[in-house]
N, C-alpha and C. Protein backbone atom coordinates (compact mmCIF):
# COMPACT_ATOMS: atom_id res chain seq x y z
N UNK A 1 7.78 -3.48 -35.28
CA UNK A 1 6.36 -3.72 -35.23
C UNK A 1 5.63 -2.96 -36.34
N UNK A 2 6.13 -1.78 -36.66
CA UNK A 2 5.46 -0.99 -37.69
C UNK A 2 5.63 -1.61 -39.07
N UNK A 3 6.75 -2.25 -39.31
CA UNK A 3 7.01 -2.82 -40.64
C UNK A 3 6.19 -4.08 -40.91
N UNK A 4 5.74 -4.77 -39.87
CA UNK A 4 5.00 -6.02 -40.08
C UNK A 4 3.57 -5.77 -40.53
N UNK A 5 3.00 -4.64 -40.22
CA UNK A 5 1.62 -4.28 -40.55
C UNK A 5 0.62 -5.29 -40.01
N UNK A 6 0.92 -5.85 -38.85
CA UNK A 6 0.02 -6.79 -38.20
C UNK A 6 -0.83 -6.08 -37.16
N UNK A 7 -0.25 -5.11 -36.49
CA UNK A 7 -0.93 -4.43 -35.40
C UNK A 7 -1.63 -3.17 -35.89
N UNK A 8 -2.78 -2.85 -35.32
CA UNK A 8 -3.45 -1.60 -35.68
C UNK A 8 -2.63 -0.39 -35.23
N UNK A 9 -2.93 0.76 -35.83
CA UNK A 9 -2.15 1.97 -35.52
C UNK A 9 -2.33 2.40 -34.07
N UNK A 10 -3.49 2.15 -33.47
CA UNK A 10 -3.70 2.52 -32.08
C UNK A 10 -2.77 1.75 -31.16
N UNK A 11 -2.54 0.48 -31.46
CA UNK A 11 -1.63 -0.34 -30.64
C UNK A 11 -0.21 0.20 -30.77
N UNK A 12 0.18 0.53 -31.97
CA UNK A 12 1.53 1.07 -32.18
C UNK A 12 1.72 2.39 -31.44
N UNK A 13 0.71 3.25 -31.47
CA UNK A 13 0.81 4.53 -30.75
C UNK A 13 0.86 4.31 -29.24
N UNK A 14 0.06 3.38 -28.71
CA UNK A 14 0.06 3.10 -27.27
C UNK A 14 1.40 2.53 -26.83
N UNK A 15 1.98 1.65 -27.65
CA UNK A 15 3.30 1.10 -27.31
C UNK A 15 4.35 2.19 -27.33
N UNK A 16 4.28 3.07 -28.32
CA UNK A 16 5.26 4.16 -28.39
C UNK A 16 5.14 5.09 -27.19
N UNK A 17 3.92 5.42 -26.78
CA UNK A 17 3.71 6.27 -25.61
C UNK A 17 4.20 5.57 -24.35
N UNK A 18 3.93 4.26 -24.25
CA UNK A 18 4.38 3.51 -23.09
C UNK A 18 5.89 3.43 -23.00
N UNK A 19 6.57 3.29 -24.14
CA UNK A 19 8.03 3.26 -24.14
C UNK A 19 8.61 4.61 -23.74
N UNK A 20 8.02 5.68 -24.23
CA UNK A 20 8.53 7.02 -23.90
C UNK A 20 8.32 7.35 -22.43
N UNK A 21 7.18 6.98 -21.89
CA UNK A 21 6.88 7.33 -20.51
C UNK A 21 7.44 6.33 -19.51
N UNK A 22 7.88 5.18 -19.98
CA UNK A 22 8.41 4.16 -19.08
C UNK A 22 7.32 3.32 -18.43
N UNK A 23 6.12 3.42 -18.92
CA UNK A 23 5.01 2.63 -18.38
C UNK A 23 4.43 1.72 -19.46
N UNK A 24 5.30 0.93 -20.05
CA UNK A 24 4.88 0.06 -21.15
C UNK A 24 3.90 -1.00 -20.67
N UNK A 25 4.13 -1.52 -19.47
CA UNK A 25 3.24 -2.58 -18.97
C UNK A 25 1.81 -2.08 -18.78
N UNK A 26 1.65 -0.88 -18.25
CA UNK A 26 0.29 -0.36 -18.06
C UNK A 26 -0.37 -0.04 -19.40
N UNK A 27 0.40 0.45 -20.37
CA UNK A 27 -0.17 0.72 -21.70
C UNK A 27 -0.59 -0.58 -22.40
N UNK A 28 0.22 -1.62 -22.27
CA UNK A 28 -0.16 -2.90 -22.86
C UNK A 28 -1.39 -3.48 -22.15
N UNK A 29 -1.50 -3.22 -20.87
CA UNK A 29 -2.70 -3.64 -20.14
C UNK A 29 -3.94 -2.91 -20.65
N UNK A 30 -3.81 -1.62 -20.94
CA UNK A 30 -4.94 -0.87 -21.50
C UNK A 30 -5.31 -1.36 -22.90
N UNK A 31 -4.29 -1.69 -23.69
CA UNK A 31 -4.55 -2.24 -25.03
C UNK A 31 -5.29 -3.58 -24.90
N UNK A 32 -4.84 -4.41 -23.96
CA UNK A 32 -5.50 -5.70 -23.76
C UNK A 32 -6.93 -5.51 -23.27
N UNK A 33 -7.16 -4.57 -22.39
CA UNK A 33 -8.52 -4.31 -21.91
C UNK A 33 -9.42 -3.81 -23.04
N UNK A 34 -8.85 -3.08 -23.98
CA UNK A 34 -9.63 -2.56 -25.09
C UNK A 34 -10.01 -3.68 -26.08
N UNK A 35 -9.06 -4.57 -26.38
CA UNK A 35 -9.30 -5.58 -27.40
C UNK A 35 -9.91 -6.87 -26.87
N UNK A 36 -9.88 -7.11 -25.57
CA UNK A 36 -10.41 -8.36 -25.04
C UNK A 36 -11.89 -8.59 -25.34
N UNK A 37 -12.77 -7.59 -25.14
CA UNK A 37 -14.19 -7.85 -25.48
C UNK A 37 -14.41 -8.13 -26.97
N UNK A 38 -13.56 -7.58 -27.82
CA UNK A 38 -13.70 -7.81 -29.25
C UNK A 38 -13.37 -9.26 -29.63
N UNK A 39 -12.55 -9.92 -28.81
CA UNK A 39 -12.22 -11.31 -29.08
C UNK A 39 -13.13 -12.28 -28.35
N UNK A 40 -13.57 -11.91 -27.16
CA UNK A 40 -14.35 -12.87 -26.36
C UNK A 40 -15.79 -12.97 -26.83
N UNK A 41 -16.39 -11.90 -27.28
CA UNK A 41 -17.80 -11.95 -27.68
C UNK A 41 -18.05 -12.88 -28.88
N UNK A 42 -17.25 -12.82 -29.94
CA UNK A 42 -17.49 -13.78 -31.04
C UNK A 42 -17.32 -15.23 -30.60
N UNK A 43 -16.36 -15.50 -29.73
CA UNK A 43 -16.17 -16.87 -29.26
C UNK A 43 -17.32 -17.33 -28.39
N UNK A 44 -17.87 -16.42 -27.59
CA UNK A 44 -19.03 -16.78 -26.77
C UNK A 44 -20.23 -17.08 -27.66
N UNK A 45 -20.43 -16.28 -28.68
CA UNK A 45 -21.53 -16.53 -29.62
C UNK A 45 -21.33 -17.86 -30.35
N UNK A 46 -20.12 -18.09 -30.78
CA UNK A 46 -19.80 -19.32 -31.50
C UNK A 46 -20.03 -20.55 -30.62
N UNK A 47 -19.57 -20.48 -29.38
CA UNK A 47 -19.75 -21.63 -28.48
C UNK A 47 -21.22 -21.83 -28.12
N UNK A 48 -21.98 -20.76 -27.98
CA UNK A 48 -23.40 -20.91 -27.67
C UNK A 48 -24.17 -21.48 -28.87
N UNK A 49 -23.69 -21.25 -30.08
CA UNK A 49 -24.32 -21.85 -31.26
C UNK A 49 -23.89 -23.30 -31.46
N UNK A 50 -22.69 -23.63 -31.05
CA UNK A 50 -22.18 -24.98 -31.26
C UNK A 50 -22.73 -25.99 -30.24
N UNK A 51 -23.11 -25.54 -29.06
CA UNK A 51 -23.59 -26.46 -28.02
C UNK A 51 -24.79 -27.29 -28.48
N UNK A 52 -25.84 -26.69 -29.05
CA UNK A 52 -26.96 -27.54 -29.51
C UNK A 52 -26.57 -28.49 -30.64
N UNK A 53 -25.70 -28.04 -31.52
CA UNK A 53 -25.27 -28.89 -32.63
C UNK A 53 -24.50 -30.10 -32.09
N UNK A 54 -23.62 -29.86 -31.11
CA UNK A 54 -22.86 -30.96 -30.52
C UNK A 54 -23.80 -31.92 -29.81
N UNK A 55 -24.81 -31.39 -29.12
CA UNK A 55 -25.77 -32.26 -28.42
C UNK A 55 -26.52 -33.15 -29.41
N UNK A 56 -26.94 -32.59 -30.54
CA UNK A 56 -27.67 -33.38 -31.53
C UNK A 56 -26.77 -34.46 -32.13
N UNK A 57 -25.53 -34.10 -32.42
CA UNK A 57 -24.59 -35.07 -33.00
C UNK A 57 -24.31 -36.19 -32.00
N UNK A 58 -24.04 -35.84 -30.74
CA UNK A 58 -23.78 -36.87 -29.73
C UNK A 58 -25.01 -37.73 -29.48
N UNK A 59 -26.18 -37.12 -29.44
CA UNK A 59 -27.41 -37.89 -29.26
C UNK A 59 -27.64 -38.86 -30.40
N UNK A 60 -27.36 -38.43 -31.61
CA UNK A 60 -27.50 -39.31 -32.76
C UNK A 60 -26.52 -40.47 -32.70
N UNK A 61 -25.27 -40.17 -32.34
CA UNK A 61 -24.28 -41.24 -32.24
C UNK A 61 -24.63 -42.24 -31.14
N UNK A 62 -24.99 -41.75 -29.98
CA UNK A 62 -25.32 -42.64 -28.86
C UNK A 62 -26.60 -43.42 -29.17
N UNK A 63 -27.59 -42.76 -29.74
CA UNK A 63 -28.82 -43.46 -30.13
C UNK A 63 -28.55 -44.53 -31.17
N UNK A 64 -27.69 -44.25 -32.11
CA UNK A 64 -27.32 -45.25 -33.11
C UNK A 64 -26.60 -46.44 -32.50
N UNK A 65 -25.75 -46.16 -31.51
CA UNK A 65 -25.06 -47.26 -30.84
C UNK A 65 -26.04 -48.12 -30.04
N UNK A 66 -27.00 -47.50 -29.39
CA UNK A 66 -28.00 -48.26 -28.63
C UNK A 66 -28.84 -49.10 -29.57
N UNK A 67 -29.26 -48.54 -30.68
CA UNK A 67 -30.05 -49.30 -31.66
C UNK A 67 -29.21 -50.44 -32.23
N UNK A 68 -27.93 -50.16 -32.50
CA UNK A 68 -27.07 -51.21 -33.03
C UNK A 68 -26.86 -52.34 -32.03
N UNK A 69 -26.91 -52.04 -30.75
CA UNK A 69 -26.76 -53.10 -29.74
C UNK A 69 -28.03 -53.91 -29.58
N UNK A 70 -29.18 -53.27 -29.58
CA UNK A 70 -30.42 -53.98 -29.29
C UNK A 70 -31.13 -54.54 -30.51
N UNK A 71 -30.81 -54.10 -31.69
CA UNK A 71 -31.44 -54.63 -32.89
C UNK A 71 -31.11 -56.11 -33.11
N UNK A 72 -29.86 -56.52 -32.95
CA UNK A 72 -29.59 -57.95 -33.10
C UNK A 72 -30.32 -58.80 -32.06
N UNK A 73 -30.49 -58.29 -30.87
CA UNK A 73 -31.20 -59.06 -29.84
C UNK A 73 -32.64 -59.29 -30.27
N UNK A 74 -33.28 -58.28 -30.81
CA UNK A 74 -34.66 -58.46 -31.24
C UNK A 74 -34.75 -59.37 -32.46
N UNK A 75 -33.78 -59.35 -33.33
CA UNK A 75 -33.78 -60.24 -34.49
C UNK A 75 -33.49 -61.68 -34.07
N UNK A 76 -32.65 -61.87 -33.06
CA UNK A 76 -32.40 -63.22 -32.54
C UNK A 76 -33.68 -63.81 -31.96
N UNK A 77 -34.44 -62.96 -31.30
CA UNK A 77 -35.70 -63.43 -30.75
C UNK A 77 -36.64 -63.91 -31.83
N UNK A 78 -36.68 -63.23 -32.96
CA UNK A 78 -37.53 -63.66 -34.07
C UNK A 78 -36.95 -64.90 -34.75
N UNK A 79 -35.63 -64.99 -34.80
CA UNK A 79 -35.00 -66.12 -35.46
C UNK A 79 -35.29 -67.42 -34.72
N UNK A 80 -35.18 -67.44 -33.42
CA UNK A 80 -35.40 -68.64 -32.63
C UNK A 80 -36.86 -68.80 -32.21
N UNK A 81 -37.71 -67.86 -32.59
CA UNK A 81 -39.13 -67.88 -32.26
C UNK A 81 -39.36 -68.05 -30.76
N UNK A 82 -38.65 -67.24 -30.01
CA UNK A 82 -38.80 -67.29 -28.56
C UNK A 82 -40.12 -66.66 -28.17
N UNK A 83 -40.88 -67.41 -27.46
CA UNK A 83 -42.16 -66.88 -26.99
C UNK A 83 -42.46 -67.50 -25.64
N UNK A 84 -43.17 -66.83 -24.87
CA UNK A 84 -43.57 -67.31 -23.56
C UNK A 84 -44.97 -67.89 -23.70
N UNK A 85 -45.08 -69.14 -23.35
CA UNK A 85 -46.38 -69.80 -23.44
C UNK A 85 -47.13 -69.55 -22.15
N UNK A 86 -48.15 -68.76 -22.25
CA UNK A 86 -48.96 -68.47 -21.07
C UNK A 86 -50.03 -69.56 -20.93
N UNK A 87 -49.99 -70.22 -19.83
CA UNK A 87 -51.01 -71.23 -19.59
C UNK A 87 -52.02 -70.68 -18.60
N UNK A 88 -53.05 -71.44 -18.42
CA UNK A 88 -54.09 -71.01 -17.49
C UNK A 88 -53.75 -71.40 -16.06
N UNK A 89 -52.61 -72.03 -15.84
CA UNK A 89 -52.22 -72.47 -14.52
C UNK A 89 -51.29 -71.42 -13.90
N UNK A 90 -51.77 -70.53 -13.05
CA UNK A 90 -50.90 -69.51 -12.48
C UNK A 90 -49.95 -70.06 -11.42
N UNK A 91 -50.09 -71.32 -11.04
CA UNK A 91 -49.21 -71.88 -10.02
C UNK A 91 -47.83 -72.20 -10.59
N UNK A 92 -47.75 -72.44 -11.90
CA UNK A 92 -46.45 -72.74 -12.51
C UNK A 92 -45.68 -71.45 -12.73
N UNK A 93 -44.42 -71.40 -12.34
CA UNK A 93 -43.62 -70.18 -12.56
C UNK A 93 -43.38 -69.94 -14.05
N UNK A 94 -43.08 -68.72 -14.37
CA UNK A 94 -42.95 -68.31 -15.77
C UNK A 94 -41.69 -68.84 -16.43
N UNK A 95 -40.54 -68.81 -15.75
CA UNK A 95 -39.28 -69.18 -16.41
C UNK A 95 -39.23 -70.65 -16.79
N UNK A 96 -39.67 -71.60 -15.95
CA UNK A 96 -39.65 -72.99 -16.44
C UNK A 96 -40.54 -73.19 -17.65
N UNK A 97 -41.69 -72.50 -17.72
CA UNK A 97 -42.54 -72.60 -18.91
C UNK A 97 -41.82 -72.06 -20.13
N UNK A 98 -41.12 -70.96 -19.93
CA UNK A 98 -40.36 -70.35 -21.02
C UNK A 98 -39.29 -71.30 -21.52
N UNK A 99 -38.55 -71.94 -20.62
CA UNK A 99 -37.48 -72.83 -21.01
C UNK A 99 -38.01 -74.11 -21.65
N UNK A 100 -39.10 -74.62 -21.12
CA UNK A 100 -39.64 -75.86 -21.71
C UNK A 100 -40.21 -75.62 -23.10
N UNK A 101 -40.85 -74.53 -23.32
CA UNK A 101 -41.51 -74.27 -24.61
C UNK A 101 -40.54 -73.77 -25.68
N UNK A 102 -39.37 -73.26 -25.25
CA UNK A 102 -38.46 -72.66 -26.22
C UNK A 102 -37.11 -73.37 -26.23
N UNK A 103 -37.06 -74.60 -25.87
CA UNK A 103 -35.80 -75.34 -25.88
C UNK A 103 -35.34 -75.52 -27.32
N UNK A 104 -34.05 -75.37 -27.51
CA UNK A 104 -33.52 -75.49 -28.87
C UNK A 104 -33.31 -76.91 -29.20
């Protein structure tokens, strides 16, 4: 472990003390307790910063999909000149007037 130069000197000393005393598991637990907050806090900050960005990206994608679905429908309406002819006779239902006035 010392030759790799990956671990800090405190970890190496704690492991050596744990091996000598026969309590390596408790020493590694203390090392983990010491280093855990140093790893979890940056990830918590990172995830709290990424949440709004992800929401904006997803909202943009979903909004774009909704616009892409409904834009052709509105253009079809303009293409066929669909309009509802409102007459002064309220006794006639709306859908038959719509179908009669907009028959292709």
